[in-house]
Amino acid sequence: SPLAPQRVPGMVARIASATVAIMVAAAALTLACWFVFSWTTDASLVTFRTGSMSPTIPQRSMAVTLPVTAAELRTGDVVTVQRDGEALPVTHRVVEVRTPPPELAAPAGARELVLQGDANATVDARPYVVTEVRQTVFAVPRLGAALMVIQSPIGMGSLTLLAGALVTWAFWPRSSTPAPSEAPSELARAAP
């Protein structure tokens, strides 16, 4: 028969090996492309921990953001700004862009932004005076949840163990004995 029973496990192992190698190479290429893109454009990833931008950007989404000057902003843009006295920034939609009042003594090029989450009934409590913000280019639902798991201690430990297992598997010595179906033909050639 074309596929002897002895060859099937070896073929499955080779297919599995090739599949894993392709997946690892694709992941490495994707990461390399992201690092080059983020380094050249100053792009960053934002994880949406709340549902304030739902349904447009649901909770646990991940977005790619790029830096833009405040003068470039328009109503409807989704931006990330740092809140005064808060550790985490806020990402909401711009509902109004205006020149800051003179009493604020804002730097040149600054704008006062009125923001509101798509799921929120009212605008944010205070406007934000900014010269530069991070604008959301696109978002992927649920990808933020995966990133949060990976960044957790359990996720990092699991990734470390997985990487170690892959390296061990990749460099583990392969058997040099011929497969059972190949052995008789080798003996036949060695006979006088």
N, C-alpha and C. Protein backbone atom coordinates (compact mmCIF):
# COMPACT_ATOMS: atom_id res chain seq x y z
N SER A 1 0.85 -1.19 0.00
CA SER A 1 0.00 0.00 0.00
C SER A 1 0.88 1.24 0.00
N PRO A 2 0.36 2.39 -0.49
CA PRO A 2 1.19 3.59 -0.59
C PRO A 2 1.65 4.09 0.78
N LEU A 3 0.82 3.98 1.79
CA LEU A 3 1.21 4.42 3.13
C LEU A 3 1.22 3.22 4.05
N ALA A 4 2.38 2.69 4.27
CA ALA A 4 2.51 1.56 5.18
C ALA A 4 2.18 2.02 6.59
N PRO A 5 1.57 1.18 7.41
CA PRO A 5 1.22 1.57 8.77
C PRO A 5 2.40 2.11 9.58
N GLN A 6 3.60 1.63 9.30
CA GLN A 6 4.76 2.08 10.06
C GLN A 6 5.12 3.53 9.71
N ARG A 7 4.79 3.98 8.51
CA ARG A 7 5.17 5.33 8.07
C ARG A 7 4.23 6.41 8.57
N VAL A 8 2.99 6.07 8.89
CA VAL A 8 2.01 7.07 9.29
C VAL A 8 2.45 7.87 10.52
N PRO A 9 2.90 7.24 11.62
CA PRO A 9 3.33 8.05 12.77
C PRO A 9 4.48 8.99 12.42
N GLY A 10 5.42 8.54 11.61
CA GLY A 10 6.53 9.41 11.21
C GLY A 10 6.05 10.57 10.37
N MET A 11 5.09 10.33 9.49
CA MET A 11 4.56 11.39 8.66
C MET A 11 3.80 12.40 9.50
N VAL A 12 3.01 11.93 10.45
CA VAL A 12 2.26 12.81 11.34
C VAL A 12 3.24 13.67 12.15
N ALA A 13 4.31 13.08 12.62
CA ALA A 13 5.31 13.83 13.39
C ALA A 13 5.96 14.90 12.54
N ARG A 14 6.25 14.58 11.27
CA ARG A 14 6.86 15.58 10.38
C ARG A 14 5.89 16.71 10.09
N ILE A 15 4.62 16.40 9.88
CA ILE A 15 3.61 17.43 9.63
C ILE A 15 3.45 18.31 10.86
N ALA A 16 3.38 17.68 12.04
CA ALA A 16 3.26 18.46 13.29
C ALA A 16 4.48 19.34 13.48
N SER A 17 5.64 18.80 13.20
CA SER A 17 6.88 19.57 13.34
C SER A 17 6.89 20.77 12.39
N ALA A 18 6.51 20.55 11.15
CA ALA A 18 6.47 21.64 10.17
C ALA A 18 5.43 22.69 10.56
N THR A 19 4.28 22.24 11.06
CA THR A 19 3.22 23.17 11.47
C THR A 19 3.69 24.04 12.63
N VAL A 20 4.31 23.45 13.62
CA VAL A 20 4.82 24.22 14.76
C VAL A 20 5.90 25.19 14.30
N ALA A 21 6.79 24.74 13.43
CA ALA A 21 7.85 25.61 12.93
C ALA A 21 7.26 26.81 12.17
N ILE A 22 6.24 26.58 11.36
CA ILE A 22 5.59 27.66 10.62
C ILE A 22 4.91 28.63 11.57
N MET A 23 4.23 28.10 12.59
CA MET A 23 3.55 28.97 13.56
C MET A 23 4.55 29.82 14.34
N VAL A 24 5.65 29.23 14.76
CA VAL A 24 6.67 29.98 15.50
C VAL A 24 7.30 31.04 14.60
N ALA A 25 7.57 30.68 13.35
CA ALA A 25 8.15 31.65 12.40
C ALA A 25 7.17 32.79 12.14
N ALA A 26 5.89 32.47 11.98
CA ALA A 26 4.88 33.51 11.74
C ALA A 26 4.76 34.44 12.95
N ALA A 27 4.78 33.87 14.15
CA ALA A 27 4.71 34.70 15.36
C ALA A 27 5.94 35.59 15.47
N ALA A 28 7.11 35.04 15.18
CA ALA A 28 8.34 35.83 15.25
C ALA A 28 8.33 36.95 14.21
N LEU A 29 7.87 36.65 13.00
CA LEU A 29 7.78 37.67 11.95
C LEU A 29 6.79 38.76 12.32
N THR A 30 5.64 38.37 12.89
CA THR A 30 4.64 39.35 13.31
C THR A 30 5.21 40.26 14.39
N LEU A 31 5.88 39.68 15.38
CA LEU A 31 6.49 40.49 16.44
C LEU A 31 7.57 41.41 15.88
N ALA A 32 8.39 40.92 14.99
CA ALA A 32 9.44 41.75 14.39
C ALA A 32 8.81 42.91 13.62
N CYS A 33 7.76 42.65 12.85
CA CYS A 33 7.08 43.72 12.12
C CYS A 33 6.47 44.74 13.08
N TRP A 34 5.85 44.26 14.17
CA TRP A 34 5.28 45.18 15.15
C TRP A 34 6.37 46.06 15.77
N PHE A 35 7.50 45.46 16.16
CA PHE A 35 8.57 46.24 16.78
C PHE A 35 9.11 47.30 15.83
N VAL A 36 9.28 46.96 14.56
CA VAL A 36 9.75 47.94 13.58
C VAL A 36 8.70 49.04 13.39
N PHE A 37 7.44 48.64 13.25
CA PHE A 37 6.36 49.62 13.07
C PHE A 37 6.25 50.54 14.29
N SER A 38 6.26 49.97 15.49
CA SER A 38 6.12 50.80 16.69
C SER A 38 7.33 51.69 16.91
N TRP A 39 8.51 51.22 16.54
CA TRP A 39 9.72 52.02 16.70
C TRP A 39 9.73 53.20 15.73
N THR A 40 9.29 52.96 14.49
CA THR A 40 9.33 54.02 13.48
C THR A 40 8.17 55.01 13.60
N THR A 41 7.03 54.57 14.12
CA THR A 41 5.86 55.46 14.20
C THR A 41 5.49 55.87 15.62
N ASP A 42 6.17 55.30 16.62
CA ASP A 42 5.84 55.52 18.03
C ASP A 42 4.44 54.99 18.38
N ALA A 43 4.02 53.96 17.67
CA ALA A 43 2.72 53.34 17.93
C ALA A 43 2.76 52.62 19.27
N SER A 44 1.61 52.51 19.89
CA SER A 44 1.52 51.73 21.13
C SER A 44 0.18 51.01 21.18
N LEU A 45 0.09 50.06 22.10
CA LEU A 45 -1.13 49.29 22.28
C LEU A 45 -1.87 49.78 23.51
N VAL A 46 -3.19 49.88 23.40
CA VAL A 46 -4.04 50.28 24.52
C VAL A 46 -5.06 49.18 24.74
N THR A 47 -5.20 48.75 25.98
CA THR A 47 -6.20 47.75 26.33
C THR A 47 -7.38 48.45 26.99
N PHE A 48 -8.58 48.16 26.52
CA PHE A 48 -9.79 48.77 27.07
C PHE A 48 -10.28 47.92 28.23
N ARG A 49 -10.10 48.43 29.45
CA ARG A 49 -10.47 47.68 30.65
C ARG A 49 -11.92 47.91 31.06
N THR A 50 -12.54 48.95 30.52
CA THR A 50 -13.94 49.22 30.85
C THR A 50 -14.75 49.23 29.56
N GLY A 51 -16.04 49.31 29.69
CA GLY A 51 -16.93 49.31 28.53
C GLY A 51 -17.41 50.69 28.13
N SER A 52 -16.70 51.73 28.53
CA SER A 52 -17.17 53.09 28.24
C SER A 52 -17.20 53.43 26.76
N MET A 53 -16.49 52.68 25.93
CA MET A 53 -16.51 52.94 24.48
C MET A 53 -17.36 51.92 23.72
N SER A 54 -18.12 51.09 24.45
CA SER A 54 -19.00 50.11 23.81
C SER A 54 -20.15 50.84 23.12
N PRO A 55 -20.69 50.34 22.07
CA PRO A 55 -20.40 49.09 21.39
C PRO A 55 -19.28 49.22 20.34
N THR A 56 -18.85 50.46 20.06
CA THR A 56 -17.83 50.66 19.03
C THR A 56 -16.55 49.90 19.35
N ILE A 57 -16.07 50.08 20.58
CA ILE A 57 -14.87 49.37 21.05
C ILE A 57 -15.25 48.72 22.37
N PRO A 58 -15.58 47.43 22.34
CA PRO A 58 -16.03 46.76 23.56
C PRO A 58 -14.93 46.60 24.61
N GLN A 59 -15.37 46.35 25.83
CA GLN A 59 -14.44 46.07 26.93
C GLN A 59 -13.54 44.92 26.54
N ARG A 60 -12.27 44.98 26.95
CA ARG A 60 -11.23 43.99 26.69
C ARG A 60 -10.75 43.97 25.23
N SER A 61 -11.02 45.04 24.51
CA SER A 61 -10.46 45.18 23.16
C SER A 61 -9.04 45.71 23.28
N MET A 62 -8.28 45.58 22.21
CA MET A 62 -6.95 46.16 22.17
C MET A 62 -6.91 47.06 20.94
N ALA A 63 -6.34 48.26 21.11
CA ALA A 63 -6.27 49.21 20.02
C ALA A 63 -4.83 49.62 19.76
N VAL A 64 -4.56 49.96 18.51
CA VAL A 64 -3.27 50.53 18.12
C VAL A 64 -3.46 52.04 18.09
N THR A 65 -2.57 52.76 18.78
CA THR A 65 -2.66 54.22 18.82
C THR A 65 -1.37 54.84 18.28
N LEU A 66 -1.54 56.02 17.69
CA LEU A 66 -0.41 56.78 17.17
C LEU A 66 -0.44 58.19 17.76
N PRO A 67 0.72 58.79 17.98
CA PRO A 67 0.74 60.16 18.52
C PRO A 67 0.34 61.16 17.43
N VAL A 68 -0.50 62.13 17.82
CA VAL A 68 -0.88 63.23 16.93
C VAL A 68 -0.89 64.53 17.74
N THR A 69 -0.67 65.62 17.08
CA THR A 69 -0.74 66.91 17.76
C THR A 69 -2.21 67.27 17.97
N ALA A 70 -2.46 68.08 18.98
CA ALA A 70 -3.83 68.48 19.29
C ALA A 70 -4.47 69.25 18.13
N ALA A 71 -3.66 69.98 17.37
CA ALA A 71 -4.19 70.76 16.24
C ALA A 71 -4.76 69.87 15.14
N GLU A 72 -4.33 68.60 15.08
CA GLU A 72 -4.81 67.67 14.04
C GLU A 72 -6.15 67.03 14.39
N LEU A 73 -6.61 67.19 15.62
CA LEU A 73 -7.80 66.47 16.07
C LEU A 73 -9.09 67.08 15.52
N ARG A 74 -10.05 66.18 15.30
CA ARG A 74 -11.37 66.57 14.83
C ARG A 74 -12.42 65.89 15.69
N THR A 75 -13.61 66.47 15.70
CA THR A 75 -14.73 65.86 16.40
C THR A 75 -14.96 64.46 15.84
N GLY A 76 -15.14 63.50 16.72
CA GLY A 76 -15.35 62.11 16.32
C GLY A 76 -14.12 61.24 16.46
N ASP A 77 -12.92 61.84 16.56
CA ASP A 77 -11.71 61.05 16.76
C ASP A 77 -11.75 60.37 18.13
N VAL A 78 -11.18 59.17 18.21
CA VAL A 78 -11.05 58.47 19.49
C VAL A 78 -9.60 58.64 19.94
N VAL A 79 -9.43 59.23 21.13
CA VAL A 79 -8.09 59.57 21.60
C VAL A 79 -7.86 59.07 23.02
N THR A 80 -6.58 58.89 23.34
CA THR A 80 -6.16 58.51 24.69
C THR A 80 -5.42 59.69 25.29
N VAL A 81 -5.89 60.14 26.46
CA VAL A 81 -5.24 61.25 27.17
C VAL A 81 -4.98 60.83 28.61
N GLN A 82 -3.95 61.43 29.18
CA GLN A 82 -3.63 61.16 30.59
C GLN A 82 -4.49 62.06 31.47
N ARG A 83 -5.12 61.47 32.45
CA ARG A 83 -5.93 62.24 33.40
C ARG A 83 -5.05 62.77 34.52
N ASP A 84 -5.31 63.98 34.93
CA ASP A 84 -4.55 64.56 36.05
C ASP A 84 -4.77 63.76 37.32
N GLY A 85 -3.66 63.39 37.96
CA GLY A 85 -3.72 62.68 39.23
C GLY A 85 -4.15 61.23 39.13
N GLU A 86 -4.25 60.68 37.95
CA GLU A 86 -4.67 59.29 37.76
C GLU A 86 -3.52 58.49 37.14
N ALA A 87 -3.42 57.23 37.52
CA ALA A 87 -2.37 56.37 36.98
C ALA A 87 -2.68 55.94 35.55
N LEU A 88 -3.95 55.65 35.28
CA LEU A 88 -4.34 55.16 33.97
C LEU A 88 -4.93 56.28 33.11
N PRO A 89 -4.64 56.26 31.82
CA PRO A 89 -5.24 57.26 30.92
C PRO A 89 -6.69 56.91 30.62
N VAL A 90 -7.35 57.79 29.90
CA VAL A 90 -8.73 57.55 29.45
C VAL A 90 -8.75 57.61 27.93
N THR A 91 -9.53 56.72 27.34
CA THR A 91 -9.71 56.72 25.89
C THR A 91 -11.18 56.93 25.60
N HIS A 92 -11.49 58.10 25.05
CA HIS A 92 -12.87 58.45 24.72
C HIS A 92 -12.90 59.18 23.38
N ARG A 93 -14.12 59.44 22.91
CA ARG A 93 -14.33 60.12 21.64
C ARG A 93 -14.34 61.64 21.85
N VAL A 94 -13.73 62.37 20.92
CA VAL A 94 -13.71 63.83 20.96
C VAL A 94 -15.09 64.33 20.52
N VAL A 95 -15.75 65.10 21.39
CA VAL A 95 -17.04 65.69 21.02
C VAL A 95 -16.91 67.19 20.74
N GLU A 96 -15.80 67.78 21.20
CA GLU A 96 -15.56 69.20 20.91
C GLU A 96 -14.07 69.50 21.05
N VAL A 97 -13.55 70.29 20.11
CA VAL A 97 -12.17 70.77 20.16
C VAL A 97 -12.25 72.29 20.19
N ARG A 98 -11.61 72.91 21.18
CA ARG A 98 -11.65 74.37 21.27
C ARG A 98 -10.31 74.91 21.75
N THR A 99 -10.12 76.19 21.54
CA THR A 99 -8.91 76.86 22.01
C THR A 99 -9.06 77.08 23.52
N PRO A 100 -8.02 76.77 24.29
CA PRO A 100 -8.12 76.94 25.75
C PRO A 100 -8.27 78.42 26.11
N PRO A 101 -9.01 78.72 27.17
CA PRO A 101 -9.15 80.12 27.59
C PRO A 101 -7.80 80.69 28.03
N PRO A 102 -7.58 82.00 27.84
CA PRO A 102 -6.28 82.61 28.17
C PRO A 102 -5.86 82.43 29.63
N GLU A 103 -6.81 82.35 30.55
CA GLU A 103 -6.45 82.21 31.97
C GLU A 103 -5.77 80.88 32.29
N LEU A 104 -5.86 79.91 31.41
CA LEU A 104 -5.17 78.62 31.63
C LEU A 104 -3.69 78.69 31.30
N ALA A 105 -3.26 79.71 30.58
CA ALA A 105 -1.86 79.88 30.18
C ALA A 105 -1.33 78.58 29.55
N ALA A 106 -2.09 78.06 28.61
CA ALA A 106 -1.73 76.81 27.94
C ALA A 106 -0.58 77.06 26.96
N PRO A 107 0.26 76.05 26.74
CA PRO A 107 1.36 76.20 25.78
C PRO A 107 0.84 76.40 24.35
N ALA A 108 1.70 76.89 23.49
CA ALA A 108 1.33 77.10 22.09
C ALA A 108 0.92 75.78 21.46
N GLY A 109 -0.12 75.82 20.66
CA GLY A 109 -0.60 74.62 19.98
C GLY A 109 -1.53 73.77 20.82
N ALA A 110 -1.77 74.17 22.05
CA ALA A 110 -2.64 73.38 22.93
C ALA A 110 -4.10 73.53 22.51
N ARG A 111 -4.87 72.50 22.78
CA ARG A 111 -6.31 72.51 22.54
C ARG A 111 -7.00 71.98 23.78
N GLU A 112 -8.21 72.43 23.98
CA GLU A 112 -9.04 71.93 25.06
C GLU A 112 -10.03 70.94 24.46
N LEU A 113 -9.98 69.72 24.93
CA LEU A 113 -10.81 68.65 24.38
C LEU A 113 -11.94 68.30 25.34
N VAL A 114 -13.13 68.20 24.79
CA VAL A 114 -14.27 67.68 25.54
C VAL A 114 -14.46 66.26 25.02
N LEU A 115 -14.37 65.29 25.92
CA LEU A 115 -14.44 63.87 25.56
C LEU A 115 -15.67 63.21 26.16
N GLN A 116 -16.10 62.13 25.50
CA GLN A 116 -17.21 61.34 26.02
C GLN A 116 -17.08 59.92 25.53
N GLY A 117 -17.27 58.96 26.43
CA GLY A 117 -17.31 57.56 26.03
C GLY A 117 -18.60 57.28 25.27
N ASP A 118 -18.54 56.42 24.27
CA ASP A 118 -19.73 56.12 23.47
C ASP A 118 -20.86 55.55 24.32
N ALA A 119 -20.54 54.82 25.39
CA ALA A 119 -21.56 54.23 26.25
C ALA A 119 -21.99 55.16 27.38
N ASN A 120 -21.34 56.31 27.51
CA ASN A 120 -21.65 57.24 28.60
C ASN A 120 -22.75 58.21 28.18
N ALA A 121 -23.61 58.55 29.12
CA ALA A 121 -24.72 59.47 28.84
C ALA A 121 -24.26 60.93 28.80
N THR A 122 -23.17 61.24 29.50
CA THR A 122 -22.69 62.63 29.56
C THR A 122 -21.22 62.70 29.20
N VAL A 123 -20.76 63.92 28.93
CA VAL A 123 -19.35 64.14 28.63
C VAL A 123 -18.53 63.97 29.90
N ASP A 124 -17.22 63.81 29.75
CA ASP A 124 -16.33 63.69 30.91
C ASP A 124 -16.45 64.94 31.78
N ALA A 125 -16.19 64.77 33.07
CA ALA A 125 -16.41 65.84 34.04
C ALA A 125 -15.65 67.12 33.71
N ARG A 126 -14.40 66.98 33.26
CA ARG A 126 -13.59 68.16 32.95
C ARG A 126 -12.99 68.01 31.56
N PRO A 127 -12.82 69.14 30.86
CA PRO A 127 -12.12 69.05 29.58
C PRO A 127 -10.62 68.82 29.81
N TYR A 128 -9.94 68.35 28.80
CA TYR A 128 -8.51 68.05 28.88
C TYR A 128 -7.76 69.06 28.01
N VAL A 129 -6.77 69.72 28.57
CA VAL A 129 -5.93 70.64 27.80
C VAL A 129 -4.67 69.88 27.42
N VAL A 130 -4.46 69.72 26.11
CA VAL A 130 -3.38 68.88 25.61
C VAL A 130 -2.68 69.54 24.43
N THR A 131 -1.42 69.16 24.22
CA THR A 131 -0.71 69.56 23.01
C THR A 131 -0.52 68.35 22.09
N GLU A 132 -0.51 67.16 22.67
CA GLU A 132 -0.38 65.92 21.91
C GLU A 132 -1.19 64.83 22.59
N VAL A 133 -1.78 63.94 21.79
CA VAL A 133 -2.55 62.81 22.32
C VAL A 133 -2.21 61.58 21.50
N ARG A 134 -2.75 60.46 21.90
CA ARG A 134 -2.61 59.22 21.13
C ARG A 134 -3.96 58.95 20.49
N GLN A 135 -3.99 58.88 19.17
CA GLN A 135 -5.23 58.65 18.44
C GLN A 135 -5.37 57.16 18.10
N THR A 136 -6.56 56.62 18.33
CA THR A 136 -6.83 55.21 18.02
C THR A 136 -6.96 55.05 16.51
N VAL A 137 -6.15 54.14 15.96
CA VAL A 137 -6.17 53.86 14.53
C VAL A 137 -7.16 52.74 14.24
N PHE A 138 -7.06 51.65 15.01
CA PHE A 138 -8.03 50.56 14.90
C PHE A 138 -7.99 49.75 16.19
N ALA A 139 -9.07 49.00 16.41
CA ALA A 139 -9.16 48.17 17.61
C ALA A 139 -9.62 46.77 17.23
N VAL A 140 -9.18 45.79 18.02
CA VAL A 140 -9.55 44.39 17.80
C VAL A 140 -10.25 43.90 19.07
N PRO A 141 -11.54 43.53 18.96
CA PRO A 141 -12.26 43.04 20.14
C PRO A 141 -11.61 41.78 20.73
N ARG A 142 -11.64 41.68 22.05
CA ARG A 142 -11.19 40.54 22.84
C ARG A 142 -9.67 40.30 22.84
N LEU A 143 -8.93 40.97 22.00
CA LEU A 143 -7.49 40.76 21.98
C LEU A 143 -6.83 41.35 23.23
N GLY A 144 -7.43 42.36 23.80
CA GLY A 144 -6.91 42.95 25.04
C GLY A 144 -6.96 41.96 26.19
N ALA A 145 -8.00 41.11 26.21
CA ALA A 145 -8.11 40.10 27.26
C ALA A 145 -6.94 39.13 27.18
N ALA A 146 -6.59 38.73 25.96
CA ALA A 146 -5.44 37.83 25.79
C ALA A 146 -4.15 38.51 26.24
N LEU A 147 -4.00 39.78 25.92
CA LEU A 147 -2.80 40.51 26.34
C LEU A 147 -2.72 40.62 27.86
N MET A 148 -3.86 40.86 28.51
CA MET A 148 -3.88 40.96 29.97
C MET A 148 -3.50 39.62 30.61
N VAL A 149 -3.95 38.50 30.02
CA VAL A 149 -3.60 37.18 30.55
C VAL A 149 -2.10 36.94 30.38
N ILE A 150 -1.57 37.28 29.20
CA ILE A 150 -0.14 37.08 28.94
C ILE A 150 0.71 37.92 29.89
N GLN A 151 0.26 39.12 30.23
CA GLN A 151 1.03 40.00 31.10
C GLN A 151 0.93 39.62 32.58
N SER A 152 0.01 38.74 32.93
CA SER A 152 -0.13 38.32 34.33
C SER A 152 1.02 37.40 34.70
N PRO A 153 1.31 37.24 36.00
CA PRO A 153 2.38 36.31 36.41
C PRO A 153 2.17 34.88 35.89
N ILE A 154 0.95 34.40 35.91
CA ILE A 154 0.67 33.05 35.41
C ILE A 154 0.92 32.99 33.91
N GLY A 155 0.50 34.01 33.19
CA GLY A 155 0.71 34.06 31.75
C GLY A 155 2.19 34.10 31.39
N MET A 156 2.95 34.93 32.10
CA MET A 156 4.38 35.03 31.83
C MET A 156 5.09 33.70 32.15
N GLY A 157 4.69 33.07 33.25
CA GLY A 157 5.26 31.77 33.61
C GLY A 157 4.94 30.72 32.57
N SER A 158 3.70 30.71 32.10
CA SER A 158 3.29 29.75 31.07
C SER A 158 4.06 29.97 29.77
N LEU A 159 4.23 31.23 29.38
CA LEU A 159 4.99 31.53 28.16
C LEU A 159 6.44 31.08 28.30
N THR A 160 7.01 31.29 29.47
CA THR A 160 8.39 30.87 29.71
C THR A 160 8.52 29.35 29.60
N LEU A 161 7.59 28.62 30.21
CA LEU A 161 7.62 27.16 30.13
C LEU A 161 7.40 26.69 28.68
N LEU A 162 6.49 27.33 27.96
CA LEU A 162 6.23 26.97 26.57
C LEU A 162 7.47 27.21 25.71
N ALA A 163 8.11 28.35 25.90
CA ALA A 163 9.33 28.66 25.14
C ALA A 163 10.42 27.63 25.45
N GLY A 164 10.57 27.28 26.71
CA GLY A 164 11.56 26.27 27.09
C GLY A 164 11.25 24.91 26.48
N ALA A 165 9.98 24.53 26.47
CA ALA A 165 9.59 23.25 25.87
C ALA A 165 9.85 23.25 24.37
N LEU A 166 9.55 24.36 23.69
CA LEU A 166 9.80 24.44 22.25
C LEU A 166 11.29 24.37 21.92
N VAL A 167 12.11 25.05 22.72
CA VAL A 167 13.56 25.01 22.48
C VAL A 167 14.08 23.61 22.73
N THR A 168 13.64 22.97 23.81
CA THR A 168 14.06 21.60 24.10
C THR A 168 13.65 20.67 22.97
N TRP A 169 12.41 20.78 22.52
CA TRP A 169 11.92 19.94 21.44
C TRP A 169 12.71 20.17 20.15
N ALA A 170 13.01 21.44 19.85
CA ALA A 170 13.71 21.77 18.61
C ALA A 170 15.13 21.21 18.59
N PHE A 171 15.78 21.19 19.74
CA PHE A 171 17.18 20.75 19.78
C PHE A 171 17.36 19.34 20.32
N TRP A 172 16.28 18.63 20.58
CA TRP A 172 16.37 17.27 21.09
C TRP A 172 16.96 16.38 19.99
N PRO A 173 17.91 15.52 20.34
CA PRO A 173 18.53 14.67 19.31
C PRO A 173 17.50 13.76 18.65
N ARG A 174 17.59 13.67 17.36
CA ARG A 174 16.69 12.81 16.60
C ARG A 174 17.28 11.41 16.51
N SER A 175 16.43 10.43 16.39
CA SER A 175 16.86 9.04 16.26
C SER A 175 17.55 8.86 14.91
N SER A 176 18.69 8.18 14.91
CA SER A 176 19.41 7.96 13.66
C SER A 176 19.19 6.56 13.11
N THR A 177 18.35 5.76 13.77
CA THR A 177 18.08 4.41 13.28
C THR A 177 17.05 4.50 12.16
N PRO A 178 17.17 3.68 11.12
CA PRO A 178 16.21 3.74 10.02
C PRO A 178 14.85 3.24 10.47
N ALA A 179 13.84 3.73 9.79
CA ALA A 179 12.48 3.28 10.07
C ALA A 179 12.38 1.80 9.72
N PRO A 180 11.46 1.05 10.36
CA PRO A 180 11.35 -0.40 10.12
C PRO A 180 11.15 -0.74 8.64
N SER A 181 10.44 0.07 7.89
CA SER A 181 10.20 -0.24 6.48
C SER A 181 11.46 -0.04 5.63
N GLU A 182 12.41 0.77 6.12
CA GLU A 182 13.63 1.03 5.37
C GLU A 182 14.73 0.00 5.70
N ALA A 183 14.66 -0.64 6.82
CA ALA A 183 15.73 -1.53 7.26
C ALA A 183 16.00 -2.69 6.29
N PRO A 184 14.99 -3.42 5.78
CA PRO A 184 15.31 -4.55 4.88
C PRO A 184 16.02 -4.10 3.61
N SER A 185 15.65 -2.98 3.06
CA SER A 185 16.30 -2.53 1.82
C SER A 185 17.76 -2.18 2.09
N GLU A 186 18.06 -1.63 3.25
CA GLU A 186 19.46 -1.32 3.61
C GLU A 186 20.26 -2.61 3.76
N LEU A 187 19.64 -3.63 4.35
CA LEU A 187 20.33 -4.92 4.51
C LEU A 187 20.57 -5.58 3.16
N ALA A 188 19.61 -5.43 2.25
CA ALA A 188 19.73 -6.03 0.92
C ALA A 188 20.90 -5.41 0.17
N ARG A 189 21.09 -4.09 0.34
CA ARG A 189 22.19 -3.42 -0.35
C ARG A 189 23.53 -3.83 0.24
N ALA A 190 23.57 -4.12 1.51
CA ALA A 190 24.83 -4.48 2.17
C ALA A 190 25.24 -5.91 1.88
N ALA A 191 24.31 -6.77 1.44
CA ALA A 191 24.63 -8.18 1.16
C ALA A 191 25.52 -8.29 -0.09
N PRO A 192 26.49 -9.25 -0.09
CA PRO A 192 27.42 -9.40 -1.23
C PRO A 192 26.79 -9.98 -2.45
